[in-house]
Amino acid sequence: LCSDTNPDPTKRWKILATMGASRAFAASVVLPDGRLWITGGLGDDAILKTTEILEQTTNVNWKVSRGPDLPKPLFGHCLEILRNGNVMLVGGFDGKDQEDVSVEFEWTDKDSGKWSTTLRLVSRVACVL
């Protein structure tokens, strides 16, 4: 996790936290409590199912912890906070084909929850990366 807070353009990026996995084409969403949830993506040698939660503990310190796994390994997917506070996951790729994923995550406490496939979309949703 990096930040662009330095006014000196030659020293703009500062490492704030080290995540457990390298990720490209991951999806992230700011949770209602202010934590950042980063999910899936392309890892060093695999498509990731794992997630990480980043929580700012002070102005300069961040805590990184393991989050709930995705229902399947995905990259290029989208996340959105719903009005009820749950998180909707849509689309993505599994390495073979585009996935028609539409699931909802309900937090049962601060660090865990469950995925539900009861979410039904009337039409396909486009997500912009």
C-alpha atoms as a PDB file:
ATOM      1  CA  LEU A   1       0.000   0.000   0.000  1.00  0.00           C
ATOM      2  CA  CYS A   2       1.478   3.326  -1.060  1.00  0.00           C
ATOM      3  CA  SER A   3       0.503   6.933  -0.502  1.00  0.00           C
ATOM      4  CA  ASP A   4       1.124  10.130  -2.449  1.00  0.00           C
ATOM      5  CA  THR A   5       1.335  12.596   0.468  1.00  0.00           C
ATOM      6  CA  ASN A   6       4.775  14.167   0.044  1.00  0.00           C
ATOM      7  CA  PRO A   7       4.742  17.608  -1.648  1.00  0.00           C
ATOM      8  CA  ASP A   8       8.216  16.941  -3.115  1.00  0.00           C
ATOM      9  CA  PRO A   9       7.528  15.361  -6.564  1.00  0.00           C
ATOM     10  CA  THR A  10      10.765  13.355  -6.384  1.00  0.00           C
ATOM     11  CA  LYS A  11       9.632  11.655  -3.152  1.00  0.00           C
ATOM     12  CA  ARG A  12       5.895  11.331  -3.672  1.00  0.00           C
ATOM     13  CA  TRP A  13       5.247   7.645  -3.035  1.00  0.00           C
ATOM     14  CA  LYS A  14       5.739   6.190   0.422  1.00  0.00           C
ATOM     15  CA  ILE A  15       5.172   2.559   1.422  1.00  0.00           C
ATOM     16  CA  LEU A  16       2.592   2.447   4.200  1.00  0.00           C
ATOM     17  CA  ALA A  17       2.019  -1.307   4.541  1.00  0.00           C
ATOM     18  CA  THR A  18       3.159  -4.593   3.036  1.00  0.00           C
ATOM     19  CA  MET A  19       0.392  -6.889   1.901  1.00  0.00           C
ATOM     20  CA  GLY A  20       0.599 -10.651   2.209  1.00  0.00           C
ATOM     21  CA  ALA A  21       0.256 -11.279  -1.535  1.00  0.00           C
ATOM     22  CA  SER A  22       1.217  -9.428  -4.691  1.00  0.00           C
ATOM     23  CA  ARG A  23      -1.961  -8.651  -6.648  1.00  0.00           C
ATOM     24  CA  ALA A  24      -2.733  -7.308 -10.105  1.00  0.00           C
ATOM     25  CA  PHE A  25      -6.278  -6.786 -11.399  1.00  0.00           C
ATOM     26  CA  ALA A  26      -7.673  -7.176  -7.876  1.00  0.00           C
ATOM     27  CA  ALA A  27     -10.854  -5.428  -6.748  1.00  0.00           C
ATOM     28  CA  SER A  28     -11.123  -3.232  -3.684  1.00  0.00           C
ATOM     29  CA  VAL A  29     -13.853  -1.440  -1.803  1.00  0.00           C
ATOM     30  CA  VAL A  30     -13.926   0.873   1.210  1.00  0.00           C
ATOM     31  CA  LEU A  31     -16.145  -0.780   3.811  1.00  0.00           C
ATOM     32  CA  PRO A  32     -18.703   1.259   5.795  1.00  0.00           C
ATOM     33  CA  ASP A  33     -16.356   1.221   8.832  1.00  0.00           C
ATOM     34  CA  GLY A  34     -13.493   2.747   6.777  1.00  0.00           C
ATOM     35  CA  ARG A  35     -11.394  -0.386   6.253  1.00  0.00           C
ATOM     36  CA  LEU A  36     -10.172  -1.239   2.749  1.00  0.00           C
ATOM     37  CA  TRP A  37     -11.030  -4.734   1.482  1.00  0.00           C
ATOM     38  CA  ILE A  38      -8.793  -5.968  -1.363  1.00  0.00           C
ATOM     39  CA  THR A  39      -9.934  -9.152  -3.057  1.00  0.00           C
ATOM     40  CA  GLY A  40      -8.569 -11.712  -5.500  1.00  0.00           C
ATOM     41  CA  GLY A  41      -6.435 -10.712  -8.473  1.00  0.00           C
ATOM     42  CA  LEU A  42      -3.498 -12.219 -10.287  1.00  0.00           C
ATOM     43  CA  GLY A  43      -0.821 -13.342  -7.852  1.00  0.00           C
ATOM     44  CA  ASP A  44       2.789 -14.217  -8.617  1.00  0.00           C
ATOM     45  CA  ASP A  45       1.856 -17.656  -9.939  1.00  0.00           C
ATOM     46  CA  ALA A  46      -1.911 -18.114  -9.577  1.00  0.00           C
ATOM     47  CA  ILE A  47      -5.294 -16.448  -9.654  1.00  0.00           C
ATOM     48  CA  LEU A  48      -6.119 -15.560  -6.060  1.00  0.00           C
ATOM     49  CA  LYS A  49      -9.130 -16.480  -3.947  1.00  0.00           C
ATOM     50  CA  THR A  50      -7.654 -14.797  -0.868  1.00  0.00           C
ATOM     51  CA  THR A  51      -8.461 -11.313   0.373  1.00  0.00           C
ATOM     52  CA  GLU A  52      -6.813  -8.789   2.661  1.00  0.00           C
ATOM     53  CA  ILE A  53      -8.226  -6.054   4.862  1.00  0.00           C
ATOM     54  CA  LEU A  54      -6.244  -2.879   5.474  1.00  0.00           C
ATOM     55  CA  GLU A  55      -7.088  -0.741   8.465  1.00  0.00           C
ATOM     56  CA  GLN A  56      -5.495   2.601   9.251  1.00  0.00           C
ATOM     57  CA  THR A  57      -4.446   2.582  12.910  1.00  0.00           C
ATOM     58  CA  THR A  58      -2.727   6.002  12.974  1.00  0.00           C
ATOM     59  CA  ASN A  59      -1.972   8.686  10.381  1.00  0.00           C
ATOM     60  CA  VAL A  60       1.064   6.700   9.201  1.00  0.00           C
ATOM     61  CA  ASN A  61       0.417   3.106  10.305  1.00  0.00           C
ATOM     62  CA  TRP A  62      -1.757   0.489   8.645  1.00  0.00           C
ATOM     63  CA  LYS A  63      -2.682  -2.994   9.872  1.00  0.00           C
ATOM     64  CA  VAL A  64      -2.981  -5.717   7.213  1.00  0.00           C
ATOM     65  CA  SER A  65      -5.018  -8.824   8.028  1.00  0.00           C
ATOM     66  CA  ARG A  66      -6.417 -11.778   6.121  1.00  0.00           C
ATOM     67  CA  GLY A  67     -10.002 -11.319   5.003  1.00  0.00           C
ATOM     68  CA  PRO A  68     -12.693 -13.806   4.037  1.00  0.00           C
ATOM     69  CA  ASP A  69     -11.918 -15.771   0.864  1.00  0.00           C
ATOM     70  CA  LEU A  70     -13.787 -15.153  -2.369  1.00  0.00           C
ATOM     71  CA  PRO A  71     -16.192 -17.914  -3.420  1.00  0.00           C
ATOM     72  CA  LYS A  72     -13.707 -18.777  -6.220  1.00  0.00           C
ATOM     73  CA  PRO A  73     -10.372 -17.438  -7.536  1.00  0.00           C
ATOM     74  CA  LEU A  74     -11.047 -14.331  -9.667  1.00  0.00           C
ATOM     75  CA  PHE A  75      -9.385 -11.327 -11.233  1.00  0.00           C
ATOM     76  CA  GLY A  76     -10.896  -8.368 -13.064  1.00  0.00           C
ATOM     77  CA  HIS A  77     -14.044  -8.484 -10.925  1.00  0.00           C
ATOM     78  CA  CYS A  78     -15.913  -5.579  -9.315  1.00  0.00           C
ATOM     79  CA  LEU A  79     -17.081  -4.883  -5.773  1.00  0.00           C
ATOM     80  CA  GLU A  80     -19.708  -2.410  -4.628  1.00  0.00           C
ATOM     81  CA  ILE A  81     -21.203  -1.529  -1.254  1.00  0.00           C
ATOM     82  CA  LEU A  82     -24.964  -2.036  -1.186  1.00  0.00           C
ATOM     83  CA  ARG A  83     -27.391   0.156   0.770  1.00  0.00           C
ATOM     84  CA  ASN A  84     -27.720  -2.544   3.425  1.00  0.00           C
ATOM     85  CA  GLY A  85     -23.919  -2.497   4.022  1.00  0.00           C
ATOM     86  CA  ASN A  86     -23.302  -5.817   2.290  1.00  0.00           C
ATOM     87  CA  VAL A  87     -20.810  -6.105  -0.560  1.00  0.00           C
ATOM     88  CA  MET A  88     -21.809  -7.158  -4.072  1.00  0.00           C
ATOM     89  CA  LEU A  89     -19.251  -9.010  -6.224  1.00  0.00           C
ATOM     90  CA  VAL A  90     -19.910  -9.032  -9.965  1.00  0.00           C
ATOM     91  CA  GLY A  91     -18.096 -10.539 -12.945  1.00  0.00           C
ATOM     92  CA  GLY A  92     -14.453 -11.374 -13.273  1.00  0.00           C
ATOM     93  CA  PHE A  93     -12.280 -13.964 -14.933  1.00  0.00           C
ATOM     94  CA  ASP A  94     -11.212 -17.374 -13.635  1.00  0.00           C
ATOM     95  CA  GLY A  95      -8.373 -17.900 -16.130  1.00  0.00           C
ATOM     96  CA  LYS A  96     -10.466 -19.920 -18.546  1.00  0.00           C
ATOM     97  CA  ASP A  97     -13.459 -17.748 -19.303  1.00  0.00           C
ATOM     98  CA  GLN A  98     -15.370 -14.703 -18.181  1.00  0.00           C
ATOM     99  CA  GLU A  99     -17.361 -15.651 -15.120  1.00  0.00           C
ATOM    100  CA  ASP A 100     -21.019 -14.814 -14.681  1.00  0.00           C
ATOM    101  CA  VAL A 101     -20.644 -14.260 -10.937  1.00  0.00           C
ATOM    102  CA  SER A 102     -23.228 -12.292  -8.990  1.00  0.00           C
ATOM    103  CA  VAL A 103     -22.952 -12.866  -5.265  1.00  0.00           C
ATOM    104  CA  GLU A 104     -23.444 -10.843  -2.113  1.00  0.00           C
ATOM    105  CA  PHE A 105     -21.260 -10.874   1.022  1.00  0.00           C
ATOM    106  CA  GLU A 106     -22.897 -10.289   4.398  1.00  0.00           C
ATOM    107  CA  TRP A 107     -20.601  -9.428   7.299  1.00  0.00           C
ATOM    108  CA  THR A 108     -21.564 -11.402  10.422  1.00  0.00           C
ATOM    109  CA  ASP A 109     -18.927  -9.668  12.563  1.00  0.00           C
ATOM    110  CA  LYS A 110     -15.951  -7.361  11.970  1.00  0.00           C
ATOM    111  CA  ASP A 111     -13.755 -10.041  10.378  1.00  0.00           C
ATOM    112  CA  SER A 112     -16.026 -12.669   8.867  1.00  0.00           C
ATOM    113  CA  GLY A 113     -19.241 -13.291   7.044  1.00  0.00           C
ATOM    114  CA  LYS A 114     -20.801 -15.383   4.327  1.00  0.00           C
ATOM    115  CA  TRP A 115     -21.321 -15.301   0.559  1.00  0.00           C
ATOM    116  CA  SER A 116     -24.858 -15.674  -0.719  1.00  0.00           C
ATOM    117  CA  THR A 117     -25.952 -16.432  -4.256  1.00  0.00           C
ATOM    118  CA  THR A 118     -29.453 -15.121  -3.603  1.00  0.00           C
ATOM    119  CA  LEU A 119     -28.578 -11.874  -5.368  1.00  0.00           C
ATOM    120  CA  ARG A 120     -30.194 -11.909  -8.793  1.00  0.00           C
ATOM    121  CA  LEU A 121     -29.422  -9.296 -11.421  1.00  0.00           C
ATOM    122  CA  VAL A 122     -31.959  -8.578 -14.142  1.00  0.00           C
ATOM    123  CA  SER A 123     -29.214  -8.011 -16.710  1.00  0.00           C
ATOM    124  CA  ARG A 124     -25.450  -8.251 -16.998  1.00  0.00           C
ATOM    125  CA  VAL A 125     -23.525  -5.507 -15.233  1.00  0.00           C
ATOM    126  CA  ALA A 126     -20.498  -3.877 -16.786  1.00  0.00           C
ATOM    127  CA  CYS A 127     -17.630  -3.033 -14.525  1.00  0.00           C
ATOM    128  CA  VAL A 128     -14.985  -0.459 -15.236  1.00  0.00           C
ATOM    129  CA  LEU A 129     -11.422  -1.129 -14.125  1.00  0.00           C
END
